C-alpha atoms as a PDB file:
ATOM      1  CA  UNK A   1     -73.371  44.580 -36.405  1.00  0.00           C
ATOM      2  CA  UNK A   2     -71.722  44.437 -39.816  1.00  0.00           C
ATOM      3  CA  UNK A   3     -70.361  47.979 -39.360  1.00  0.00           C
ATOM      4  CA  UNK A   4     -68.929  47.055 -35.951  1.00  0.00           C
ATOM      5  CA  UNK A   5     -67.202  43.971 -37.381  1.00  0.00           C
ATOM      6  CA  UNK A   6     -65.837  45.968 -40.313  1.00  0.00           C
ATOM      7  CA  UNK A   7     -64.403  48.546 -37.930  1.00  0.00           C
ATOM      8  CA  UNK A   8     -62.890  45.836 -35.768  1.00  0.00           C
ATOM      9  CA  UNK A   9     -61.311  44.251 -38.862  1.00  0.00           C
ATOM     10  CA  UNK A  10     -59.761  47.600 -39.804  1.00  0.00           C
ATOM     11  CA  UNK A  11     -58.312  47.852 -36.313  1.00  0.00           C
ATOM     12  CA  UNK A  12     -57.026  44.283 -36.331  1.00  0.00           C
ATOM     13  CA  UNK A  13     -55.405  44.785 -39.705  1.00  0.00           C
ATOM     14  CA  UNK A  14     -52.870  47.211 -38.366  1.00  0.00           C
ATOM     15  CA  UNK A  15     -53.933  50.402 -36.609  1.00  0.00           C
ATOM     16  CA  UNK A  16     -50.772  50.206 -34.521  1.00  0.00           C
ATOM     17  CA  UNK A  17     -48.581  49.843 -37.600  1.00  0.00           C
ATOM     18  CA  UNK A  18     -46.925  53.046 -38.761  1.00  0.00           C
ATOM     19  CA  UNK A  19     -46.800  53.600 -42.506  1.00  0.00           C
ATOM     20  CA  UNK A  20     -45.116  56.157 -44.769  1.00  0.00           C
ATOM     21  CA  UNK A  21     -47.075  59.002 -46.299  1.00  0.00           C
ATOM     22  CA  UNK A  22     -46.712  62.098 -48.397  1.00  0.00           C
ATOM     23  CA  UNK A  23     -48.096  65.446 -47.247  1.00  0.00           C
ATOM     24  CA  UNK A  24     -47.630  68.760 -45.566  1.00  0.00           C
ATOM     25  CA  UNK A  25     -46.283  69.374 -42.094  1.00  0.00           C
ATOM     26  CA  UNK A  26     -49.063  70.583 -39.799  1.00  0.00           C
ATOM     27  CA  UNK A  27     -49.168  74.298 -38.964  1.00  0.00           C
ATOM     28  CA  UNK A  28     -47.225  75.108 -35.813  1.00  0.00           C
ATOM     29  CA  UNK A  29     -45.239  71.885 -35.973  1.00  0.00           C
ATOM     30  CA  UNK A  30     -41.575  72.134 -36.965  1.00  0.00           C
ATOM     31  CA  UNK A  31     -40.470  70.692 -40.280  1.00  0.00           C
ATOM     32  CA  UNK A  32     -38.267  67.610 -40.022  1.00  0.00           C
ATOM     33  CA  UNK A  33     -34.564  68.312 -39.644  1.00  0.00           C
ATOM     34  CA  UNK A  34     -31.813  66.458 -41.539  1.00  0.00           C
ATOM     35  CA  UNK A  35     -31.608  63.681 -38.917  1.00  0.00           C
ATOM     36  CA  UNK A  36     -35.364  63.123 -39.051  1.00  0.00           C
ATOM     37  CA  UNK A  37     -35.274  63.060 -42.841  1.00  0.00           C
ATOM     38  CA  UNK A  38     -32.444  60.512 -42.725  1.00  0.00           C
ATOM     39  CA  UNK A  39     -34.523  58.376 -40.350  1.00  0.00           C
ATOM     40  CA  UNK A  40     -37.441  58.605 -42.773  1.00  0.00           C
ATOM     41  CA  UNK A  41     -35.169  57.380 -45.564  1.00  0.00           C
ATOM     42  CA  UNK A  42     -34.423  54.274 -43.491  1.00  0.00           C
ATOM     43  CA  UNK A  43     -38.115  53.281 -43.501  1.00  0.00           C
ATOM     44  CA  UNK A  44     -39.609  55.204 -40.594  1.00  0.00           C
ATOM     45  CA  UNK A  45     -42.573  57.428 -41.356  1.00  0.00           C
ATOM     46  CA  UNK A  46     -42.153  61.107 -42.140  1.00  0.00           C
ATOM     47  CA  UNK A  47     -43.538  63.600 -39.674  1.00  0.00           C
ATOM     48  CA  UNK A  48     -46.113  64.941 -42.111  1.00  0.00           C
ATOM     49  CA  UNK A  49     -49.905  64.940 -42.260  1.00  0.00           C
ATOM     50  CA  UNK A  50     -51.762  63.837 -45.338  1.00  0.00           C
ATOM     51  CA  UNK A  51     -55.405  64.892 -45.048  1.00  0.00           C
ATOM     52  CA  UNK A  52     -55.835  63.848 -48.683  1.00  0.00           C
ATOM     53  CA  UNK A  53     -55.319  60.229 -47.599  1.00  0.00           C
ATOM     54  CA  UNK A  54     -59.030  60.336 -46.754  1.00  0.00           C
ATOM     55  CA  UNK A  55     -61.554  60.942 -49.527  1.00  0.00           C
ATOM     56  CA  UNK A  56     -63.814  64.001 -49.053  1.00  0.00           C
ATOM     57  CA  UNK A  57     -66.636  62.025 -47.399  1.00  0.00           C
ATOM     58  CA  UNK A  58     -64.270  60.183 -45.040  1.00  0.00           C
ATOM     59  CA  UNK A  59     -62.382  63.434 -44.292  1.00  0.00           C
ATOM     60  CA  UNK A  60     -65.623  65.213 -43.348  1.00  0.00           C
ATOM     61  CA  UNK A  61     -66.676  62.305 -41.129  1.00  0.00           C
ATOM     62  CA  UNK A  62     -63.245  62.088 -39.475  1.00  0.00           C
ATOM     63  CA  UNK A  63     -62.679  65.784 -38.753  1.00  0.00           C
ATOM     64  CA  UNK A  64     -66.226  67.175 -38.528  1.00  0.00           C
ATOM     65  CA  UNK A  65     -68.097  64.295 -36.905  1.00  0.00           C
ATOM     66  CA  UNK A  66     -65.842  61.755 -35.167  1.00  0.00           C
ATOM     67  CA  UNK A  67     -63.258  64.141 -33.676  1.00  0.00           C
ATOM     68  CA  UNK A  68     -65.847  66.488 -32.072  1.00  0.00           C
ATOM     69  CA  UNK A  69     -67.945  63.545 -30.827  1.00  0.00           C
ATOM     70  CA  UNK A  70     -64.904  61.952 -29.213  1.00  0.00           C
ATOM     71  CA  UNK A  71     -63.763  65.264 -27.719  1.00  0.00           C
ATOM     72  CA  UNK A  72     -67.204  65.568 -26.094  1.00  0.00           C
ATOM     73  CA  UNK A  73     -67.197  61.943 -24.884  1.00  0.00           C
ATOM     74  CA  UNK A  74     -63.651  61.993 -23.503  1.00  0.00           C
ATOM     75  CA  UNK A  75     -63.522  61.295 -19.755  1.00  0.00           C
ATOM     76  CA  UNK A  76     -59.887  62.189 -19.116  1.00  0.00           C
ATOM     77  CA  UNK A  77     -56.428  62.196 -20.657  1.00  0.00           C
ATOM     78  CA  UNK A  78     -52.928  61.344 -19.571  1.00  0.00           C
ATOM     79  CA  UNK A  79     -49.771  63.025 -20.725  1.00  0.00           C
ATOM     80  CA  UNK A  80     -47.061  60.547 -21.678  1.00  0.00           C
ATOM     81  CA  UNK A  81     -43.369  61.156 -22.383  1.00  0.00           C
ATOM     82  CA  UNK A  82     -43.981  60.819 -26.131  1.00  0.00           C
ATOM     83  CA  UNK A  83     -47.685  61.667 -26.544  1.00  0.00           C
ATOM     84  CA  UNK A  84     -51.063  61.356 -24.854  1.00  0.00           C
ATOM     85  CA  UNK A  85     -53.660  58.780 -23.902  1.00  0.00           C
ATOM     86  CA  UNK A  86     -57.382  59.592 -23.962  1.00  0.00           C
ATOM     87  CA  UNK A  87     -60.057  57.798 -21.898  1.00  0.00           C
ATOM     88  CA  UNK A  88     -63.570  57.133 -23.223  1.00  0.00           C
ATOM     89  CA  UNK A  89     -66.674  55.386 -21.900  1.00  0.00           C
ATOM     90  CA  UNK A  90     -67.127  51.741 -22.929  1.00  0.00           C
ATOM     91  CA  UNK A  91     -70.511  51.989 -24.665  1.00  0.00           C
ATOM     92  CA  UNK A  92     -70.688  50.334 -28.090  1.00  0.00           C
ATOM     93  CA  UNK A  93     -71.213  53.577 -30.040  1.00  0.00           C
ATOM     94  CA  UNK A  94     -68.151  55.230 -28.486  1.00  0.00           C
ATOM     95  CA  UNK A  95     -66.004  52.135 -28.981  1.00  0.00           C
ATOM     96  CA  UNK A  96     -66.964  52.107 -32.659  1.00  0.00           C
ATOM     97  CA  UNK A  97     -66.132  55.830 -32.986  1.00  0.00           C
ATOM     98  CA  UNK A  98     -62.723  55.340 -31.320  1.00  0.00           C
ATOM     99  CA  UNK A  99     -61.875  52.454 -33.647  1.00  0.00           C
ATOM    100  CA  UNK A 100     -63.014  54.334 -36.747  1.00  0.00           C
ATOM    101  CA  UNK A 101     -61.125  57.454 -35.662  1.00  0.00           C
ATOM    102  CA  UNK A 102     -57.953  55.433 -35.021  1.00  0.00           C
ATOM    103  CA  UNK A 103     -58.177  53.886 -38.498  1.00  0.00           C
ATOM    104  CA  UNK A 104     -58.533  57.355 -40.042  1.00  0.00           C
ATOM    105  CA  UNK A 105     -55.645  58.799 -38.028  1.00  0.00           C
ATOM    106  CA  UNK A 106     -53.476  55.928 -39.201  1.00  0.00           C
ATOM    107  CA  UNK A 107     -54.046  57.055 -42.775  1.00  0.00           C
ATOM    108  CA  UNK A 108     -53.733  60.826 -42.432  1.00  0.00           C
ATOM    109  CA  UNK A 109     -51.097  60.916 -39.646  1.00  0.00           C
ATOM    110  CA  UNK A 110     -48.924  57.840 -40.217  1.00  0.00           C
ATOM    111  CA  UNK A 111     -46.244  59.105 -37.838  1.00  0.00           C
ATOM    112  CA  UNK A 112     -48.450  58.164 -34.876  1.00  0.00           C
ATOM    113  CA  UNK A 113     -48.089  54.962 -32.936  1.00  0.00           C
ATOM    114  CA  UNK A 114     -51.748  54.217 -32.189  1.00  0.00           C
ATOM    115  CA  UNK A 115     -52.983  51.857 -29.505  1.00  0.00           C
ATOM    116  CA  UNK A 116     -56.603  51.235 -28.538  1.00  0.00           C
ATOM    117  CA  UNK A 117     -56.944  49.510 -25.175  1.00  0.00           C
ATOM    118  CA  UNK A 118     -60.193  48.219 -23.698  1.00  0.00           C
ATOM    119  CA  UNK A 119     -60.184  47.493 -19.986  1.00  0.00           C
ATOM    120  CA  UNK A 120     -61.770  44.302 -18.734  1.00  0.00           C
ATOM    121  CA  UNK A 121     -65.272  44.130 -17.247  1.00  0.00           C
ATOM    122  CA  UNK A 122     -66.552  46.887 -19.569  1.00  0.00           C
ATOM    123  CA  UNK A 123     -64.020  49.341 -18.203  1.00  0.00           C
ATOM    124  CA  UNK A 124     -62.799  52.405 -20.032  1.00  0.00           C
ATOM    125  CA  UNK A 125     -61.570  52.508 -23.608  1.00  0.00           C
ATOM    126  CA  UNK A 126     -58.220  54.247 -24.116  1.00  0.00           C
ATOM    127  CA  UNK A 127     -56.804  55.764 -27.296  1.00  0.00           C
ATOM    128  CA  UNK A 128     -53.037  56.237 -27.092  1.00  0.00           C
ATOM    129  CA  UNK A 129     -51.299  58.481 -29.620  1.00  0.00           C
ATOM    130  CA  UNK A 130     -47.512  58.556 -29.376  1.00  0.00           C
ATOM    131  CA  UNK A 131     -44.548  58.873 -31.689  1.00  0.00           C
ATOM    132  CA  UNK A 132     -41.164  60.373 -32.292  1.00  0.00           C
ATOM    133  CA  UNK A 133     -39.779  63.833 -31.724  1.00  0.00           C
ATOM    134  CA  UNK A 134     -42.362  66.587 -32.197  1.00  0.00           C
ATOM    135  CA  UNK A 135     -45.433  64.339 -31.991  1.00  0.00           C
ATOM    136  CA  UNK A 136     -46.348  65.420 -28.476  1.00  0.00           C
ATOM    137  CA  UNK A 137     -46.253  69.096 -29.517  1.00  0.00           C
ATOM    138  CA  UNK A 138     -48.362  68.238 -32.571  1.00  0.00           C
ATOM    139  CA  UNK A 139     -50.991  66.598 -30.339  1.00  0.00           C
ATOM    140  CA  UNK A 140     -51.024  69.638 -28.038  1.00  0.00           C
ATOM    141  CA  UNK A 141     -51.782  71.850 -31.053  1.00  0.00           C
ATOM    142  CA  UNK A 142     -54.063  69.625 -33.126  1.00  0.00           C
ATOM    143  CA  UNK A 143     -55.967  67.974 -30.249  1.00  0.00           C
ATOM    144  CA  UNK A 144     -56.256  71.058 -28.027  1.00  0.00           C
ATOM    145  CA  UNK A 145     -60.000  70.598 -27.555  1.00  0.00           C
ATOM    146  CA  UNK A 146     -59.336  67.058 -26.280  1.00  0.00           C
ATOM    147  CA  UNK A 147     -56.894  68.270 -23.616  1.00  0.00           C
ATOM    148  CA  UNK A 148     -59.547  69.970 -21.495  1.00  0.00           C
ATOM    149  CA  UNK A 149     -59.138  67.828 -18.400  1.00  0.00           C
END
């Protein structure tokens, strides 16, 4: 129960808030152009991943445990104009994984707008990842195993 409440607190404290980060642009994703860099200077996040934002234990859990578990649990996905939305079953273990994954993504990929939505009456749980120019292409490359359906 304590773990569930801790995860919920992390979510409530700003998963949908986009923060700035330092890091490398993901392979296959274009580097920001001058206009994007100017936008970043105004306070918007840079389009850059920072896998070092997670310590080694958290990085292993995020990429080697949570991401594959969620890819296997995913029911469906929806393509959006600026990203994707992924549907998961509403069981407590999956909800906790989605929330923990969203908190980790917020740290290592701060250019995402992240929304977790839980439908009423124990309906599906949705993880929405959207953002600015190039984010959709990044998701197609980095989340390829999630885009099976």
